[in-house]
């Protein structure tokens, strides 16, 4: 039975949280593309994905905040913790094909202070 998109993304999060780089093969197509627009990087194919994730000094702990989607398009909002005390807020966009991830696009940032000029129109979260 084919997994749902939700199950595929949840399996990826569990795999990364376990530090199981090889386990990523169970949720990604061999020709999958991972894009990190903020740094201008694109990872193409399983060999490059394995090498990049295997070389990480420390994989982040991923704490999902919201997972939403339907069919072959899923979006995960999450907090990442690399163990260095700097929290990252992240949005992952996953495109699936035949029950596996064919493309991941990830955007992340550290929190930053809001500018004073907006204070009259916003609430602090």
N, C-alpha and C. Protein backbone atom coordinates (compact mmCIF):
# COMPACT_ATOMS: atom_id res chain seq x y z
N UNK A 1 0.84 -1.18 0.00
CA UNK A 1 0.00 0.00 0.00
C UNK A 1 0.88 1.25 0.00
N UNK A 2 0.58 2.17 -0.88
CA UNK A 2 1.35 3.41 -0.99
C UNK A 2 1.07 4.32 0.20
N UNK A 3 2.13 4.93 0.71
CA UNK A 3 1.98 5.87 1.83
C UNK A 3 1.36 7.17 1.34
N UNK A 4 0.69 7.85 2.24
CA UNK A 4 0.17 9.18 1.92
C UNK A 4 1.32 10.18 1.96
N UNK A 5 1.09 11.35 1.40
CA UNK A 5 2.10 12.40 1.46
C UNK A 5 2.45 12.75 2.90
N UNK A 6 1.45 12.81 3.75
CA UNK A 6 1.68 13.09 5.17
C UNK A 6 2.61 12.04 5.77
N UNK A 7 2.37 10.78 5.47
CA UNK A 7 3.20 9.70 6.02
C UNK A 7 4.63 9.78 5.51
N UNK A 8 4.81 10.16 4.25
CA UNK A 8 6.15 10.28 3.68
C UNK A 8 6.93 11.39 4.40
N UNK A 9 6.30 12.55 4.58
CA UNK A 9 6.98 13.67 5.25
C UNK A 9 7.26 13.32 6.71
N UNK A 10 6.30 12.71 7.38
CA UNK A 10 6.52 12.30 8.77
C UNK A 10 7.65 11.28 8.88
N UNK A 11 7.75 10.39 7.90
CA UNK A 11 8.84 9.41 7.89
C UNK A 11 10.19 10.10 7.69
N UNK A 12 10.24 11.12 6.84
CA UNK A 12 11.48 11.86 6.65
C UNK A 12 11.91 12.54 7.94
N UNK A 13 10.98 13.19 8.63
CA UNK A 13 11.29 13.86 9.89
C UNK A 13 11.83 12.86 10.90
N UNK A 14 11.17 11.71 11.02
CA UNK A 14 11.61 10.69 11.97
C UNK A 14 13.00 10.17 11.61
N UNK A 15 13.25 9.99 10.32
CA UNK A 15 14.55 9.50 9.86
C UNK A 15 15.66 10.50 10.20
N UNK A 16 15.43 11.77 9.91
CA UNK A 16 16.44 12.79 10.20
C UNK A 16 16.64 12.95 11.70
N UNK A 17 15.55 12.91 12.47
CA UNK A 17 15.68 13.03 13.92
C UNK A 17 16.44 11.85 14.52
N UNK A 18 16.42 10.71 13.84
CA UNK A 18 17.18 9.54 14.29
C UNK A 18 18.62 9.57 13.78
N UNK A 19 18.96 10.56 12.95
CA UNK A 19 20.31 10.65 12.39
C UNK A 19 20.58 9.59 11.34
N UNK A 20 19.53 9.07 10.72
CA UNK A 20 19.63 7.96 9.77
C UNK A 20 19.68 8.48 8.33
N UNK A 21 20.84 8.92 7.90
CA UNK A 21 21.00 9.47 6.55
C UNK A 21 20.63 8.42 5.50
N UNK A 22 21.04 7.18 5.68
CA UNK A 22 20.72 6.13 4.72
C UNK A 22 19.22 5.91 4.60
N UNK A 23 18.50 6.12 5.69
CA UNK A 23 17.05 5.94 5.68
C UNK A 23 16.32 6.93 4.80
N UNK A 24 17.00 8.02 4.44
CA UNK A 24 16.38 9.00 3.54
C UNK A 24 16.09 8.38 2.18
N UNK A 25 16.82 7.33 1.82
CA UNK A 25 16.59 6.65 0.55
C UNK A 25 15.18 6.09 0.46
N UNK A 26 14.56 5.82 1.62
CA UNK A 26 13.21 5.24 1.64
C UNK A 26 12.12 6.26 1.33
N UNK A 27 12.45 7.55 1.33
CA UNK A 27 11.42 8.56 1.09
C UNK A 27 11.72 9.47 -0.10
N UNK A 28 12.94 9.41 -0.64
CA UNK A 28 13.32 10.24 -1.79
C UNK A 28 13.49 9.38 -3.03
N UNK A 29 13.08 9.92 -4.18
CA UNK A 29 13.44 9.31 -5.46
C UNK A 29 14.95 9.46 -5.65
N UNK A 30 15.55 8.53 -6.39
CA UNK A 30 16.99 8.62 -6.67
C UNK A 30 17.36 9.89 -7.43
N UNK A 31 16.42 10.41 -8.23
CA UNK A 31 16.70 11.62 -9.02
C UNK A 31 16.12 12.88 -8.37
N UNK A 32 15.76 12.80 -7.10
CA UNK A 32 15.16 13.94 -6.41
C UNK A 32 16.10 15.14 -6.37
N UNK A 33 15.48 16.31 -6.33
CA UNK A 33 16.20 17.57 -6.27
C UNK A 33 15.85 18.26 -4.95
N UNK A 34 16.87 18.77 -4.26
CA UNK A 34 16.67 19.57 -3.05
C UNK A 34 17.22 20.95 -3.34
N UNK A 35 16.39 21.97 -3.10
CA UNK A 35 16.82 23.35 -3.36
C UNK A 35 16.80 24.15 -2.07
N UNK A 36 17.87 24.92 -1.87
CA UNK A 36 18.00 25.86 -0.76
C UNK A 36 18.16 27.25 -1.36
N UNK A 37 17.05 27.93 -1.69
CA UNK A 37 17.12 29.21 -2.40
C UNK A 37 17.94 30.28 -1.69
N UNK A 38 17.92 30.31 -0.37
CA UNK A 38 18.62 31.38 0.34
C UNK A 38 20.13 31.33 0.13
N UNK A 39 20.67 30.13 -0.02
CA UNK A 39 22.12 30.02 -0.26
C UNK A 39 22.42 29.76 -1.73
N UNK A 40 21.36 29.61 -2.54
CA UNK A 40 21.55 29.41 -3.97
C UNK A 40 22.06 28.03 -4.33
N UNK A 41 21.76 27.02 -3.49
CA UNK A 41 22.28 25.67 -3.72
C UNK A 41 21.18 24.72 -4.18
N UNK A 42 21.58 23.80 -5.06
CA UNK A 42 20.68 22.74 -5.53
C UNK A 42 21.44 21.42 -5.42
N UNK A 43 20.81 20.46 -4.78
CA UNK A 43 21.38 19.12 -4.63
C UNK A 43 20.61 18.21 -5.57
N UNK A 44 21.29 17.58 -6.51
CA UNK A 44 20.63 16.74 -7.51
C UNK A 44 21.07 15.30 -7.33
N UNK A 45 20.11 14.42 -7.11
CA UNK A 45 20.38 13.00 -7.07
C UNK A 45 20.76 12.46 -5.70
N UNK A 46 20.58 11.14 -5.58
CA UNK A 46 20.79 10.45 -4.31
C UNK A 46 22.23 10.51 -3.83
N UNK A 47 23.20 10.36 -4.73
CA UNK A 47 24.60 10.37 -4.31
C UNK A 47 24.98 11.70 -3.66
N UNK A 48 24.58 12.79 -4.28
CA UNK A 48 24.88 14.11 -3.71
C UNK A 48 24.13 14.34 -2.41
N UNK A 49 22.86 13.90 -2.35
CA UNK A 49 22.08 14.04 -1.11
C UNK A 49 22.75 13.28 0.03
N UNK A 50 23.14 12.04 -0.23
CA UNK A 50 23.81 11.23 0.81
C UNK A 50 25.10 11.90 1.27
N UNK A 51 25.88 12.42 0.33
CA UNK A 51 27.16 13.04 0.67
C UNK A 51 26.96 14.30 1.51
N UNK A 52 26.03 15.15 1.10
CA UNK A 52 25.77 16.40 1.85
C UNK A 52 25.30 16.08 3.26
N UNK A 53 24.28 15.24 3.38
CA UNK A 53 23.73 14.95 4.71
C UNK A 53 24.71 14.15 5.56
N UNK A 54 25.53 13.32 4.93
CA UNK A 54 26.54 12.57 5.66
C UNK A 54 27.66 13.45 6.18
N UNK A 55 27.86 14.61 5.54
CA UNK A 55 28.93 15.52 5.94
C UNK A 55 28.48 16.59 6.94
N UNK A 56 27.18 16.65 7.22
CA UNK A 56 26.69 17.64 8.19
C UNK A 56 27.44 17.47 9.50
N UNK A 57 27.96 18.56 10.08
CA UNK A 57 28.60 18.45 11.40
C UNK A 57 27.63 17.87 12.44
N UNK A 58 26.37 18.29 12.36
CA UNK A 58 25.32 17.74 13.22
C UNK A 58 23.99 17.96 12.51
N UNK A 59 23.25 16.87 12.31
CA UNK A 59 21.92 17.03 11.73
C UNK A 59 21.03 17.73 12.74
N UNK A 60 20.11 18.55 12.27
CA UNK A 60 19.25 19.25 13.21
C UNK A 60 18.17 18.35 13.78
N UNK A 61 17.72 18.68 14.98
CA UNK A 61 16.50 18.09 15.52
C UNK A 61 15.36 18.90 14.91
N UNK A 62 14.39 18.21 14.36
CA UNK A 62 13.27 18.86 13.68
C UNK A 62 12.03 18.74 14.56
N UNK A 63 11.44 19.88 14.89
CA UNK A 63 10.19 19.90 15.67
C UNK A 63 9.09 20.48 14.79
N UNK A 64 8.26 19.61 14.21
CA UNK A 64 7.19 20.10 13.33
C UNK A 64 6.20 20.98 14.09
N UNK A 65 5.78 22.04 13.44
CA UNK A 65 4.73 22.90 13.98
C UNK A 65 3.43 22.71 13.21
N UNK A 66 3.53 22.53 11.90
CA UNK A 66 2.33 22.33 11.10
C UNK A 66 2.72 21.61 9.81
N UNK A 67 1.92 20.62 9.46
CA UNK A 67 2.09 19.89 8.20
C UNK A 67 0.76 19.94 7.48
N UNK A 68 0.78 20.49 6.29
CA UNK A 68 -0.46 20.63 5.53
C UNK A 68 -0.19 20.31 4.06
N UNK A 69 -1.21 19.84 3.39
CA UNK A 69 -1.06 19.54 1.98
C UNK A 69 -2.14 18.61 1.50
N UNK A 70 -2.00 18.21 0.26
CA UNK A 70 -2.92 17.26 -0.36
C UNK A 70 -2.23 16.68 -1.58
N UNK A 71 -2.59 15.45 -1.88
CA UNK A 71 -2.03 14.83 -3.07
C UNK A 71 -0.52 14.80 -3.05
N UNK A 72 0.10 15.40 -4.05
CA UNK A 72 1.55 15.36 -4.20
C UNK A 72 2.26 16.64 -3.77
N UNK A 73 1.59 17.54 -3.04
CA UNK A 73 2.20 18.78 -2.59
C UNK A 73 1.96 18.95 -1.09
N UNK A 74 3.06 19.01 -0.32
CA UNK A 74 2.99 19.11 1.15
C UNK A 74 3.93 20.18 1.65
N UNK A 75 3.50 20.88 2.70
CA UNK A 75 4.28 21.96 3.30
C UNK A 75 4.44 21.68 4.78
N UNK A 76 5.68 21.72 5.25
CA UNK A 76 5.99 21.51 6.66
C UNK A 76 6.60 22.78 7.22
N UNK A 77 5.99 23.31 8.28
CA UNK A 77 6.59 24.39 9.06
C UNK A 77 7.21 23.74 10.28
N UNK A 78 8.47 24.08 10.57
CA UNK A 78 9.16 23.40 11.66
C UNK A 78 10.20 24.31 12.30
N UNK A 79 10.57 23.94 13.50
CA UNK A 79 11.71 24.55 14.19
C UNK A 79 12.88 23.58 14.07
N UNK A 80 14.06 24.10 13.76
CA UNK A 80 15.27 23.28 13.68
C UNK A 80 16.21 23.66 14.81
N UNK A 81 16.83 22.65 15.39
CA UNK A 81 17.80 22.87 16.46
C UNK A 81 19.06 22.09 16.10
N UNK A 82 20.13 22.84 15.81
CA UNK A 82 21.41 22.22 15.48
C UNK A 82 22.27 22.00 16.71
N UNK A 83 21.73 22.28 17.90
CA UNK A 83 22.46 22.06 19.13
C UNK A 83 23.43 23.17 19.50
N UNK A 84 23.38 24.27 18.75
CA UNK A 84 24.30 25.38 19.03
C UNK A 84 23.62 26.55 19.72
N UNK A 85 22.37 26.36 20.12
CA UNK A 85 21.64 27.41 20.81
C UNK A 85 20.91 28.39 19.91
N UNK A 86 21.13 28.30 18.61
CA UNK A 86 20.45 29.18 17.66
C UNK A 86 19.25 28.47 17.06
N UNK A 87 18.03 28.92 17.35
CA UNK A 87 16.85 28.28 16.75
C UNK A 87 16.67 28.75 15.31
N UNK A 88 16.17 27.87 14.48
CA UNK A 88 15.85 28.22 13.10
C UNK A 88 14.38 27.92 12.87
N UNK A 89 13.71 28.82 12.18
CA UNK A 89 12.34 28.59 11.75
C UNK A 89 12.39 28.26 10.27
N UNK A 90 11.68 27.20 9.90
CA UNK A 90 11.87 26.62 8.57
C UNK A 90 10.54 26.31 7.91
N UNK A 91 10.51 26.47 6.60
CA UNK A 91 9.39 26.00 5.78
C UNK A 91 9.97 25.09 4.71
N UNK A 92 9.44 23.87 4.66
CA UNK A 92 9.81 22.91 3.63
C UNK A 92 8.63 22.75 2.69
N UNK A 93 8.88 22.75 1.40
CA UNK A 93 7.86 22.46 0.40
C UNK A 93 8.28 21.16 -0.27
N UNK A 94 7.41 20.15 -0.19
CA UNK A 94 7.71 18.84 -0.75
C UNK A 94 6.79 18.55 -1.93
N UNK A 95 7.39 18.13 -3.03
CA UNK A 95 6.65 17.65 -4.19
C UNK A 95 6.90 16.15 -4.30
N UNK A 96 5.82 15.38 -4.40
CA UNK A 96 5.93 13.93 -4.45
C UNK A 96 5.58 13.41 -5.83
N UNK A 97 6.14 12.25 -6.14
CA UNK A 97 5.83 11.52 -7.37
C UNK A 97 5.81 10.05 -7.01
N UNK A 98 4.73 9.38 -7.29
CA UNK A 98 4.62 7.94 -7.02
C UNK A 98 4.94 7.61 -5.56
N UNK A 99 4.50 8.45 -4.63
CA UNK A 99 4.65 8.15 -3.22
C UNK A 99 6.02 8.43 -2.62
N UNK A 100 6.90 9.10 -3.36
CA UNK A 100 8.22 9.47 -2.84
C UNK A 100 8.49 10.95 -3.15
N UNK A 101 9.39 11.54 -2.40
CA UNK A 101 9.73 12.95 -2.61
C UNK A 101 10.56 13.09 -3.88
N UNK A 102 10.09 13.93 -4.79
CA UNK A 102 10.84 14.20 -6.02
C UNK A 102 11.53 15.56 -5.97
N UNK A 103 10.99 16.46 -5.11
CA UNK A 103 11.62 17.77 -4.94
C UNK A 103 11.32 18.30 -3.54
N UNK A 104 12.35 18.85 -2.93
CA UNK A 104 12.21 19.54 -1.64
C UNK A 104 12.80 20.93 -1.81
N UNK A 105 12.06 21.93 -1.38
CA UNK A 105 12.57 23.29 -1.33
C UNK A 105 12.48 23.73 0.13
N UNK A 106 13.59 24.20 0.69
CA UNK A 106 13.64 24.56 2.11
C UNK A 106 14.06 26.01 2.28
N UNK A 107 13.31 26.72 3.10
CA UNK A 107 13.61 28.10 3.47
C UNK A 107 13.76 28.14 4.98
N UNK A 108 14.82 28.74 5.48
CA UNK A 108 14.99 28.82 6.93
C UNK A 108 15.66 30.12 7.32
N UNK A 109 15.41 30.50 8.57
CA UNK A 109 16.02 31.71 9.10
C UNK A 109 16.06 31.64 10.62
N UNK A 110 16.98 32.39 11.18
CA UNK A 110 16.99 32.60 12.62
C UNK A 110 15.98 33.71 12.91
N UNK A 111 15.34 33.67 14.08
CA UNK A 111 14.47 34.79 14.45
C UNK A 111 15.28 36.09 14.50
N UNK A 112 14.61 37.19 14.22
CA UNK A 112 15.26 38.50 14.27
C UNK A 112 14.29 39.50 14.88
N UNK A 113 14.80 40.58 15.46
CA UNK A 113 13.92 41.55 16.11
C UNK A 113 13.10 42.33 15.09
N UNK A 114 11.87 42.59 15.47
CA UNK A 114 11.00 43.41 14.62
C UNK A 114 11.43 44.87 14.71
N UNK A 115 11.34 45.60 13.61
CA UNK A 115 11.70 47.01 13.66
C UNK A 115 10.66 47.81 14.46
N UNK A 116 11.12 48.81 15.14
CA UNK A 116 10.25 49.65 15.97
C UNK A 116 9.13 50.31 15.18
N UNK A 117 9.38 50.68 13.93
CA UNK A 117 8.38 51.43 13.16
C UNK A 117 7.09 50.65 12.93
N UNK A 118 7.09 49.30 13.07
CA UNK A 118 5.88 48.50 12.86
C UNK A 118 5.09 48.29 14.15
N UNK A 119 5.63 48.69 15.29
CA UNK A 119 5.06 48.36 16.60
C UNK A 119 3.59 48.75 16.75
N UNK A 120 3.15 49.81 16.15
CA UNK A 120 1.77 50.25 16.29
C UNK A 120 0.74 49.39 15.58
N UNK A 121 1.19 48.49 14.72
CA UNK A 121 0.25 47.70 13.92
C UNK A 121 0.35 46.20 14.13
N UNK A 122 1.24 45.77 15.01
CA UNK A 122 1.45 44.33 15.17
C UNK A 122 1.34 43.91 16.62
N UNK A 123 1.15 42.62 16.82
CA UNK A 123 1.23 42.00 18.14
C UNK A 123 2.47 41.12 18.16
N UNK A 124 3.18 41.09 19.27
CA UNK A 124 4.34 40.20 19.40
C UNK A 124 3.85 38.77 19.61
N UNK A 125 4.48 37.84 18.97
CA UNK A 125 4.12 36.42 19.11
C UNK A 125 4.97 35.78 20.19
